[in-house]
């Protein structure tokens, strides 16, 4: 192949980078519908696409079954728009966490089907609407102030193809509220427990259900909460077996881990 042929511009098909995409690509070359050169152009975005401000890991969906997720806070809006636009061109799902409404409005101008959840501060593109959602995940919170972190977990797990139940404001200060919802928690294959203050909720749930519990400490609380450090230490020291802990306010991490567990 000559240098001139390599440098000429061709249109790259707008396809999701997935196992099905790779299969169609190979079949296209085999049947003669796609030239080797055009196939090379499509494969050129693997393992990543270099945008200078970011290197988009389009290959991640092939490796892990879920595309790269964009952390919104700290990035310029122009950078977010560029990254999201290029990711959406090769993925049927896009998730931007910790995003402002201003960022969403800018993204939505380029990606028409983008939606925004102000509670979770998340921008979402989901083009897998026809897929059947798997039941099995329940997200619980100690209080109402923990819901933003919980909703980030919900959105993440839903984007991974799960039907997620919610049991909110069932903290240990009124444990009868938790016990009233125990049947729903016991039906789950994995429970996410989000709590601030002293962070006792995951331990209590862990002693009542047979499913694994993913504990999420939040920064909700007065001074001695230390921005979520107090509930983090409580959860790490849980005497209930089957409790795993993610980072402070990390709803995304909890939702992703729950999605992995529930798809096994």
C-alpha atoms as a PDB file:
ATOM      1  CA  UNK A   1       0.000   0.000   0.000  1.00  0.00           C
ATOM      2  CA  UNK A   2       1.468   3.352  -1.017  1.00  0.00           C
ATOM      3  CA  UNK A   3       1.997   6.377   1.221  1.00  0.00           C
ATOM      4  CA  UNK A   4      -0.487   8.399  -0.876  1.00  0.00           C
ATOM      5  CA  UNK A   5      -3.189   5.794  -0.354  1.00  0.00           C
ATOM      6  CA  UNK A   6      -2.575   5.758   3.366  1.00  0.00           C
ATOM      7  CA  UNK A   7      -2.919   9.538   3.608  1.00  0.00           C
ATOM      8  CA  UNK A   8      -6.164   9.907   1.685  1.00  0.00           C
ATOM      9  CA  UNK A   9      -9.331  10.636   3.658  1.00  0.00           C
ATOM     10  CA  UNK A  10     -12.169   8.112   3.836  1.00  0.00           C
ATOM     11  CA  UNK A  11     -15.379   8.141   5.789  1.00  0.00           C
ATOM     12  CA  UNK A  12     -15.266   6.004   8.928  1.00  0.00           C
ATOM     13  CA  UNK A  13     -18.489   4.131   9.541  1.00  0.00           C
ATOM     14  CA  UNK A  14     -20.280   5.179  12.717  1.00  0.00           C
ATOM     15  CA  UNK A  15     -20.444   1.821  14.494  1.00  0.00           C
ATOM     16  CA  UNK A  16     -20.238   0.821  18.137  1.00  0.00           C
ATOM     17  CA  UNK A  17     -16.931  -0.786  19.069  1.00  0.00           C
ATOM     18  CA  UNK A  18     -18.121  -4.175  20.264  1.00  0.00           C
ATOM     19  CA  UNK A  19     -17.728  -7.860  19.458  1.00  0.00           C
ATOM     20  CA  UNK A  20     -20.561  -7.526  16.931  1.00  0.00           C
ATOM     21  CA  UNK A  21     -18.799  -4.545  15.297  1.00  0.00           C
ATOM     22  CA  UNK A  22     -15.567  -6.496  14.959  1.00  0.00           C
ATOM     23  CA  UNK A  23     -17.404  -9.531  13.561  1.00  0.00           C
ATOM     24  CA  UNK A  24     -19.218  -7.396  10.967  1.00  0.00           C
ATOM     25  CA  UNK A  25     -15.948  -5.743  10.015  1.00  0.00           C
ATOM     26  CA  UNK A  26     -14.195  -9.055   9.411  1.00  0.00           C
ATOM     27  CA  UNK A  27     -17.183 -10.467   7.552  1.00  0.00           C
ATOM     28  CA  UNK A  28     -17.277  -7.356   5.368  1.00  0.00           C
ATOM     29  CA  UNK A  29     -13.649  -7.834   4.340  1.00  0.00           C
ATOM     30  CA  UNK A  30     -14.239 -11.560   3.769  1.00  0.00           C
ATOM     31  CA  UNK A  31     -17.246 -10.942   1.525  1.00  0.00           C
ATOM     32  CA  UNK A  32     -15.588  -8.112  -0.373  1.00  0.00           C
ATOM     33  CA  UNK A  33     -18.149  -5.501   0.748  1.00  0.00           C
ATOM     34  CA  UNK A  34     -15.417  -3.655   2.662  1.00  0.00           C
ATOM     35  CA  UNK A  35     -11.930  -3.019   1.352  1.00  0.00           C
ATOM     36  CA  UNK A  36      -8.877  -3.867   3.415  1.00  0.00           C
ATOM     37  CA  UNK A  37      -7.995  -0.164   3.434  1.00  0.00           C
ATOM     38  CA  UNK A  38     -11.385   0.885   4.844  1.00  0.00           C
ATOM     39  CA  UNK A  39     -11.162  -1.867   7.456  1.00  0.00           C
ATOM     40  CA  UNK A  40      -7.728  -0.569   8.438  1.00  0.00           C
ATOM     41  CA  UNK A  41      -9.172   2.948   8.834  1.00  0.00           C
ATOM     42  CA  UNK A  42     -11.842   1.656  11.204  1.00  0.00           C
ATOM     43  CA  UNK A  43      -9.363  -0.407  13.195  1.00  0.00           C
ATOM     44  CA  UNK A  44      -7.051   2.612  13.450  1.00  0.00           C
ATOM     45  CA  UNK A  45      -9.029   3.897  16.443  1.00  0.00           C
ATOM     46  CA  UNK A  46      -7.918   0.813  18.391  1.00  0.00           C
ATOM     47  CA  UNK A  47      -6.565   0.654  20.999  1.00  0.00           C
ATOM     48  CA  UNK A  48      -7.331   4.353  21.513  1.00  0.00           C
ATOM     49  CA  UNK A  49      -8.100   7.608  19.724  1.00  0.00           C
ATOM     50  CA  UNK A  50      -5.708  10.474  20.474  1.00  0.00           C
ATOM     51  CA  UNK A  51      -7.503  13.829  20.823  1.00  0.00           C
ATOM     52  CA  UNK A  52      -4.487  15.557  22.436  1.00  0.00           C
ATOM     53  CA  UNK A  53      -6.553  16.547  25.493  1.00  0.00           C
ATOM     54  CA  UNK A  54      -7.586  12.906  25.966  1.00  0.00           C
ATOM     55  CA  UNK A  55      -6.868   9.441  24.634  1.00  0.00           C
ATOM     56  CA  UNK A  56     -10.212   7.686  24.268  1.00  0.00           C
ATOM     57  CA  UNK A  57     -10.090   3.962  25.033  1.00  0.00           C
ATOM     58  CA  UNK A  58     -12.542   2.702  22.403  1.00  0.00           C
ATOM     59  CA  UNK A  59     -11.170  -0.805  22.930  1.00  0.00           C
ATOM     60  CA  UNK A  60     -12.451  -0.949  26.525  1.00  0.00           C
ATOM     61  CA  UNK A  61     -15.926  -2.103  25.546  1.00  0.00           C
ATOM     62  CA  UNK A  62     -14.364  -5.109  23.795  1.00  0.00           C
ATOM     63  CA  UNK A  63     -12.223  -5.945  26.841  1.00  0.00           C
ATOM     64  CA  UNK A  64     -14.675  -5.344  29.663  1.00  0.00           C
ATOM     65  CA  UNK A  65     -18.154  -5.146  28.138  1.00  0.00           C
ATOM     66  CA  UNK A  66     -18.623  -1.483  29.094  1.00  0.00           C
ATOM     67  CA  UNK A  67     -17.221   1.673  27.443  1.00  0.00           C
ATOM     68  CA  UNK A  68     -14.910   4.199  29.044  1.00  0.00           C
ATOM     69  CA  UNK A  69     -16.661   6.538  31.496  1.00  0.00           C
ATOM     70  CA  UNK A  70     -15.943  10.277  31.538  1.00  0.00           C
ATOM     71  CA  UNK A  71     -15.205  12.066  34.820  1.00  0.00           C
ATOM     72  CA  UNK A  72     -16.775  15.501  34.354  1.00  0.00           C
ATOM     73  CA  UNK A  73     -15.410  17.600  37.195  1.00  0.00           C
ATOM     74  CA  UNK A  74     -12.173  19.445  36.454  1.00  0.00           C
ATOM     75  CA  UNK A  75     -12.479  19.295  32.681  1.00  0.00           C
ATOM     76  CA  UNK A  76     -13.247  22.336  30.537  1.00  0.00           C
ATOM     77  CA  UNK A  77     -16.666  22.174  28.904  1.00  0.00           C
ATOM     78  CA  UNK A  78     -15.043  22.234  25.476  1.00  0.00           C
ATOM     79  CA  UNK A  79     -12.986  19.189  26.430  1.00  0.00           C
ATOM     80  CA  UNK A  80     -16.057  17.355  27.729  1.00  0.00           C
ATOM     81  CA  UNK A  81     -17.962  18.037  24.517  1.00  0.00           C
ATOM     82  CA  UNK A  82     -15.085  16.843  22.333  1.00  0.00           C
ATOM     83  CA  UNK A  83     -14.507  13.671  24.339  1.00  0.00           C
ATOM     84  CA  UNK A  84     -18.218  12.855  24.564  1.00  0.00           C
ATOM     85  CA  UNK A  85     -18.792  13.441  20.847  1.00  0.00           C
ATOM     86  CA  UNK A  86     -15.966  11.126  19.815  1.00  0.00           C
ATOM     87  CA  UNK A  87     -16.961   8.483  22.361  1.00  0.00           C
ATOM     88  CA  UNK A  88     -20.605   8.582  21.268  1.00  0.00           C
ATOM     89  CA  UNK A  89     -19.557   8.025  17.657  1.00  0.00           C
ATOM     90  CA  UNK A  90     -18.177   4.607  18.638  1.00  0.00           C
ATOM     91  CA  UNK A  91     -20.349   3.580  21.570  1.00  0.00           C
ATOM     92  CA  UNK A  92     -24.015   2.881  22.229  1.00  0.00           C
ATOM     93  CA  UNK A  93     -23.586   4.113  25.808  1.00  0.00           C
ATOM     94  CA  UNK A  94     -21.953   7.226  27.239  1.00  0.00           C
ATOM     95  CA  UNK A  95     -21.743   8.184  30.908  1.00  0.00           C
ATOM     96  CA  UNK A  96     -20.320  11.455  32.227  1.00  0.00           C
ATOM     97  CA  UNK A  97     -20.225  11.677  36.032  1.00  0.00           C
ATOM     98  CA  UNK A  98     -19.978  14.804  38.202  1.00  0.00           C
ATOM     99  CA  UNK A  99     -21.235  16.987  35.353  1.00  0.00           C
ATOM    100  CA  UNK A 100     -22.945  20.362  35.628  1.00  0.00           C
ATOM    101  CA  UNK A 101     -26.143  21.335  33.841  1.00  0.00           C
ATOM    102  CA  UNK A 102     -24.088  23.855  31.841  1.00  0.00           C
ATOM    103  CA  UNK A 103     -21.898  21.008  30.617  1.00  0.00           C
ATOM    104  CA  UNK A 104     -24.979  18.976  29.701  1.00  0.00           C
ATOM    105  CA  UNK A 105     -26.461  21.781  27.599  1.00  0.00           C
ATOM    106  CA  UNK A 106     -23.200  22.029  25.656  1.00  0.00           C
ATOM    107  CA  UNK A 107     -22.980  18.250  25.161  1.00  0.00           C
ATOM    108  CA  UNK A 108     -26.616  18.002  24.123  1.00  0.00           C
ATOM    109  CA  UNK A 109     -26.036  20.427  21.255  1.00  0.00           C
ATOM    110  CA  UNK A 110     -23.657  17.866  19.725  1.00  0.00           C
ATOM    111  CA  UNK A 111     -25.322  14.662  20.976  1.00  0.00           C
ATOM    112  CA  UNK A 112     -29.061  15.082  20.559  1.00  0.00           C
ATOM    113  CA  UNK A 113     -30.089  11.968  22.524  1.00  0.00           C
ATOM    114  CA  UNK A 114     -28.061  12.872  25.628  1.00  0.00           C
ATOM    115  CA  UNK A 115     -30.091  13.179  28.856  1.00  0.00           C
ATOM    116  CA  UNK A 116     -29.271  14.690  32.235  1.00  0.00           C
ATOM    117  CA  UNK A 117     -30.010  13.518  35.773  1.00  0.00           C
ATOM    118  CA  UNK A 118     -29.516  16.574  38.009  1.00  0.00           C
ATOM    119  CA  UNK A 119     -29.739  14.530  41.214  1.00  0.00           C
ATOM    120  CA  UNK A 120     -26.898  12.245  40.149  1.00  0.00           C
ATOM    121  CA  UNK A 121     -25.125  15.035  38.219  1.00  0.00           C
ATOM    122  CA  UNK A 122     -24.771  12.599  35.329  1.00  0.00           C
ATOM    123  CA  UNK A 123     -25.016  12.959  31.548  1.00  0.00           C
ATOM    124  CA  UNK A 124     -26.212   9.759  29.888  1.00  0.00           C
ATOM    125  CA  UNK A 125     -26.505   8.445  26.354  1.00  0.00           C
ATOM    126  CA  UNK A 126     -28.254   5.074  26.122  1.00  0.00           C
ATOM    127  CA  UNK A 127     -28.943   3.574  22.716  1.00  0.00           C
ATOM    128  CA  UNK A 128     -29.683   0.070  24.027  1.00  0.00           C
ATOM    129  CA  UNK A 129     -33.347   0.821  24.727  1.00  0.00           C
ATOM    130  CA  UNK A 130     -34.617  -2.540  23.410  1.00  0.00           C
ATOM    131  CA  UNK A 131     -32.476  -4.657  25.757  1.00  0.00           C
ATOM    132  CA  UNK A 132     -34.205  -6.596  28.543  1.00  0.00           C
ATOM    133  CA  UNK A 133     -33.003  -5.361  31.941  1.00  0.00           C
ATOM    134  CA  UNK A 134     -31.772  -7.911  34.500  1.00  0.00           C
ATOM    135  CA  UNK A 135     -33.350  -7.736  37.977  1.00  0.00           C
ATOM    136  CA  UNK A 136     -31.232  -8.343  41.055  1.00  0.00           C
ATOM    137  CA  UNK A 137     -29.778  -5.043  42.303  1.00  0.00           C
ATOM    138  CA  UNK A 138     -31.204  -2.941  45.129  1.00  0.00           C
ATOM    139  CA  UNK A 139     -29.726   0.407  46.197  1.00  0.00           C
ATOM    140  CA  UNK A 140     -30.389   1.645  49.738  1.00  0.00           C
ATOM    141  CA  UNK A 141     -29.478   4.817  51.601  1.00  0.00           C
ATOM    142  CA  UNK A 142     -29.217   5.792  55.218  1.00  0.00           C
ATOM    143  CA  UNK A 143     -30.759   9.205  54.591  1.00  0.00           C
ATOM    144  CA  UNK A 144     -32.211  11.474  51.938  1.00  0.00           C
ATOM    145  CA  UNK A 145     -28.953  13.444  51.699  1.00  0.00           C
ATOM    146  CA  UNK A 146     -27.217  10.272  50.469  1.00  0.00           C
ATOM    147  CA  UNK A 147     -29.502   9.977  47.428  1.00  0.00           C
ATOM    148  CA  UNK A 148     -27.252  11.870  44.945  1.00  0.00           C
ATOM    149  CA  UNK A 149     -24.498   9.286  45.440  1.00  0.00           C
ATOM    150  CA  UNK A 150     -27.064   6.476  45.330  1.00  0.00           C
ATOM    151  CA  UNK A 151     -28.543   7.765  42.075  1.00  0.00           C
ATOM    152  CA  UNK A 152     -25.098   7.742  40.481  1.00  0.00           C
ATOM    153  CA  UNK A 153     -24.928   4.055  41.388  1.00  0.00           C
ATOM    154  CA  UNK A 154     -28.432   3.462  40.004  1.00  0.00           C
ATOM    155  CA  UNK A 155     -27.705   5.166  36.685  1.00  0.00           C
ATOM    156  CA  UNK A 156     -24.464   3.232  36.266  1.00  0.00           C
ATOM    157  CA  UNK A 157     -26.070  -0.136  36.985  1.00  0.00           C
ATOM    158  CA  UNK A 158     -29.018   0.651  34.713  1.00  0.00           C
ATOM    159  CA  UNK A 159     -26.669   1.594  31.880  1.00  0.00           C
ATOM    160  CA  UNK A 160     -25.055  -1.823  32.335  1.00  0.00           C
ATOM    161  CA  UNK A 161     -28.416  -3.446  31.621  1.00  0.00           C
ATOM    162  CA  UNK A 162     -29.910  -3.863  35.087  1.00  0.00           C
ATOM    163  CA  UNK A 163     -33.323  -3.144  36.577  1.00  0.00           C
ATOM    164  CA  UNK A 164     -32.480  -1.443  39.884  1.00  0.00           C
ATOM    165  CA  UNK A 165     -34.695  -1.241  42.963  1.00  0.00           C
ATOM    166  CA  UNK A 166     -34.513   1.654  45.432  1.00  0.00           C
ATOM    167  CA  UNK A 167     -34.909   1.578  49.221  1.00  0.00           C
ATOM    168  CA  UNK A 168     -34.113   5.087  50.423  1.00  0.00           C
ATOM    169  CA  UNK A 169     -33.959   6.737  53.874  1.00  0.00           C
ATOM    170  CA  UNK A 170     -33.763   3.562  55.954  1.00  0.00           C
ATOM    171  CA  UNK A 171     -30.916   4.501  58.293  1.00  0.00           C
ATOM    172  CA  UNK A 172     -30.279   2.826  61.634  1.00  0.00           C
ATOM    173  CA  UNK A 173     -31.739   5.722  63.658  1.00  0.00           C
ATOM    174  CA  UNK A 174     -35.149   4.352  62.625  1.00  0.00           C
ATOM    175  CA  UNK A 175     -34.320   0.729  61.939  1.00  0.00           C
ATOM    176  CA  UNK A 176     -37.996  -0.255  61.669  1.00  0.00           C
ATOM    177  CA  UNK A 177     -37.964   1.483  58.269  1.00  0.00           C
ATOM    178  CA  UNK A 178     -35.233  -0.888  57.096  1.00  0.00           C
ATOM    179  CA  UNK A 179     -37.011  -3.958  58.477  1.00  0.00           C
ATOM    180  CA  UNK A 180     -40.219  -2.996  56.655  1.00  0.00           C
ATOM    181  CA  UNK A 181     -38.251  -3.242  53.389  1.00  0.00           C
ATOM    182  CA  UNK A 182     -36.356  -6.407  54.259  1.00  0.00           C
ATOM    183  CA  UNK A 183     -38.255  -8.677  51.804  1.00  0.00           C
ATOM    184  CA  UNK A 184     -37.096  -6.536  48.850  1.00  0.00           C
ATOM    185  CA  UNK A 185     -33.514  -6.517  50.108  1.00  0.00           C
ATOM    186  CA  UNK A 186     -33.504 -10.304  50.567  1.00  0.00           C
ATOM    187  CA  UNK A 187     -34.639 -10.855  46.985  1.00  0.00           C
ATOM    188  CA  UNK A 188     -31.598  -9.010  45.613  1.00  0.00           C
ATOM    189  CA  UNK A 189     -28.501 -10.694  44.200  1.00  0.00           C
ATOM    190  CA  UNK A 190     -26.423  -7.709  45.318  1.00  0.00           C
ATOM    191  CA  UNK A 191     -27.233  -4.760  47.618  1.00  0.00           C
ATOM    192  CA  UNK A 192     -25.614  -1.328  47.525  1.00  0.00           C
ATOM    193  CA  UNK A 193     -25.761   0.470  50.897  1.00  0.00           C
ATOM    194  CA  UNK A 194     -24.994   4.192  50.794  1.00  0.00           C
ATOM    195  CA  UNK A 195     -24.561   6.041  54.090  1.00  0.00           C
ATOM    196  CA  UNK A 196     -22.864   9.001  55.713  1.00  0.00           C
ATOM    197  CA  UNK A 197     -22.753  10.003  59.394  1.00  0.00           C
ATOM    198  CA  UNK A 198     -21.340   6.945  61.245  1.00  0.00           C
ATOM    199  CA  UNK A 199     -21.965   4.605  58.285  1.00  0.00           C
ATOM    200  CA  UNK A 200     -23.578   1.685  60.132  1.00  0.00           C
ATOM    201  CA  UNK A 201     -26.167   0.760  57.465  1.00  0.00           C
ATOM    202  CA  UNK A 202     -24.053  -1.716  55.412  1.00  0.00           C
ATOM    203  CA  UNK A 203     -23.162  -3.762  58.502  1.00  0.00           C
ATOM    204  CA  UNK A 204     -26.799  -4.048  59.519  1.00  0.00           C
ATOM    205  CA  UNK A 205     -27.893  -5.080  56.023  1.00  0.00           C
ATOM    206  CA  UNK A 206     -24.933  -7.468  55.768  1.00  0.00           C
ATOM    207  CA  UNK A 207     -26.222  -9.320  58.809  1.00  0.00           C
ATOM    208  CA  UNK A 208     -29.725  -9.693  57.354  1.00  0.00           C
ATOM    209  CA  UNK A 209     -29.226 -10.763  53.717  1.00  0.00           C
ATOM    210  CA  UNK A 210     -27.386 -13.565  51.907  1.00  0.00           C
ATOM    211  CA  UNK A 211     -26.302 -11.360  48.977  1.00  0.00           C
ATOM    212  CA  UNK A 212     -23.020  -9.423  48.850  1.00  0.00           C
ATOM    213  CA  UNK A 213     -23.285  -5.847  50.126  1.00  0.00           C
ATOM    214  CA  UNK A 214     -21.363  -3.016  48.490  1.00  0.00           C
ATOM    215  CA  UNK A 215     -20.851  -0.245  51.044  1.00  0.00           C
ATOM    216  CA  UNK A 216     -20.528   3.375  49.895  1.00  0.00           C
ATOM    217  CA  UNK A 217     -19.462   5.950  52.502  1.00  0.00           C
ATOM    218  CA  UNK A 218     -20.620   9.483  51.807  1.00  0.00           C
ATOM    219  CA  UNK A 219     -19.342  12.870  52.933  1.00  0.00           C
ATOM    220  CA  UNK A 220     -22.726  13.632  54.548  1.00  0.00           C
ATOM    221  CA  UNK A 221     -22.342  14.509  58.220  1.00  0.00           C
ATOM    222  CA  UNK A 222     -21.076  16.981  60.792  1.00  0.00           C
ATOM    223  CA  UNK A 223     -17.420  17.834  61.500  1.00  0.00           C
ATOM    224  CA  UNK A 224     -16.260  14.504  62.949  1.00  0.00           C
ATOM    225  CA  UNK A 225     -17.523  12.820  59.783  1.00  0.00           C
ATOM    226  CA  UNK A 226     -14.249  14.146  58.305  1.00  0.00           C
ATOM    227  CA  UNK A 227     -15.669  14.362  54.792  1.00  0.00           C
ATOM    228  CA  UNK A 228     -16.673  10.688  54.740  1.00  0.00           C
ATOM    229  CA  UNK A 229     -13.626   9.239  56.489  1.00  0.00           C
ATOM    230  CA  UNK A 230     -15.631   8.234  59.589  1.00  0.00           C
ATOM    231  CA  UNK A 231     -18.186   6.072  57.700  1.00  0.00           C
ATOM    232  CA  UNK A 232     -15.382   4.711  55.480  1.00  0.00           C
ATOM    233  CA  UNK A 233     -13.531   3.383  58.542  1.00  0.00           C
ATOM    234  CA  UNK A 234     -16.752   2.021  60.037  1.00  0.00           C
ATOM    235  CA  UNK A 235     -17.522   0.113  56.844  1.00  0.00           C
ATOM    236  CA  UNK A 236     -13.970  -1.208  56.500  1.00  0.00           C
ATOM    237  CA  UNK A 237     -14.235  -2.517  60.072  1.00  0.00           C
ATOM    238  CA  UNK A 238     -17.632  -4.158  59.594  1.00  0.00           C
ATOM    239  CA  UNK A 239     -18.089  -7.367  61.562  1.00  0.00           C
ATOM    240  CA  UNK A 240     -20.732  -8.538  59.062  1.00  0.00           C
ATOM    241  CA  UNK A 241     -19.283 -10.886  56.411  1.00  0.00           C
ATOM    242  CA  UNK A 242     -19.900 -10.207  52.741  1.00  0.00           C
ATOM    243  CA  UNK A 243     -19.440  -6.425  52.903  1.00  0.00           C
ATOM    244  CA  UNK A 244     -17.094  -4.775  50.378  1.00  0.00           C
ATOM    245  CA  UNK A 245     -16.307  -1.050  50.458  1.00  0.00           C
ATOM    246  CA  UNK A 246     -15.694   1.487  47.689  1.00  0.00           C
ATOM    247  CA  UNK A 247     -14.316   5.003  47.974  1.00  0.00           C
ATOM    248  CA  UNK A 248     -16.089   7.980  49.546  1.00  0.00           C
ATOM    249  CA  UNK A 249     -19.020   9.239  47.420  1.00  0.00           C
ATOM    250  CA  UNK A 250     -18.136   6.700  44.717  1.00  0.00           C
ATOM    251  CA  UNK A 251     -21.612   5.795  43.503  1.00  0.00           C
ATOM    252  CA  UNK A 252     -20.234   4.964  40.065  1.00  0.00           C
ATOM    253  CA  UNK A 253     -17.792   2.398  41.455  1.00  0.00           C
ATOM    254  CA  UNK A 254     -20.537   0.719  43.473  1.00  0.00           C
ATOM    255  CA  UNK A 255     -22.963   0.621  40.556  1.00  0.00           C
ATOM    256  CA  UNK A 256     -20.314  -0.786  38.232  1.00  0.00           C
ATOM    257  CA  UNK A 257     -19.267  -3.510  40.673  1.00  0.00           C
ATOM    258  CA  UNK A 258     -22.905  -4.449  41.289  1.00  0.00           C
ATOM    259  CA  UNK A 259     -23.454  -4.680  37.536  1.00  0.00           C
ATOM    260  CA  UNK A 260     -20.484  -7.038  37.178  1.00  0.00           C
ATOM    261  CA  UNK A 261     -21.759  -9.252  40.004  1.00  0.00           C
ATOM    262  CA  UNK A 262     -25.287  -9.341  38.660  1.00  0.00           C
ATOM    263  CA  UNK A 263     -24.303 -10.369  35.130  1.00  0.00           C
ATOM    264  CA  UNK A 264     -22.424 -13.493  36.256  1.00  0.00           C
END
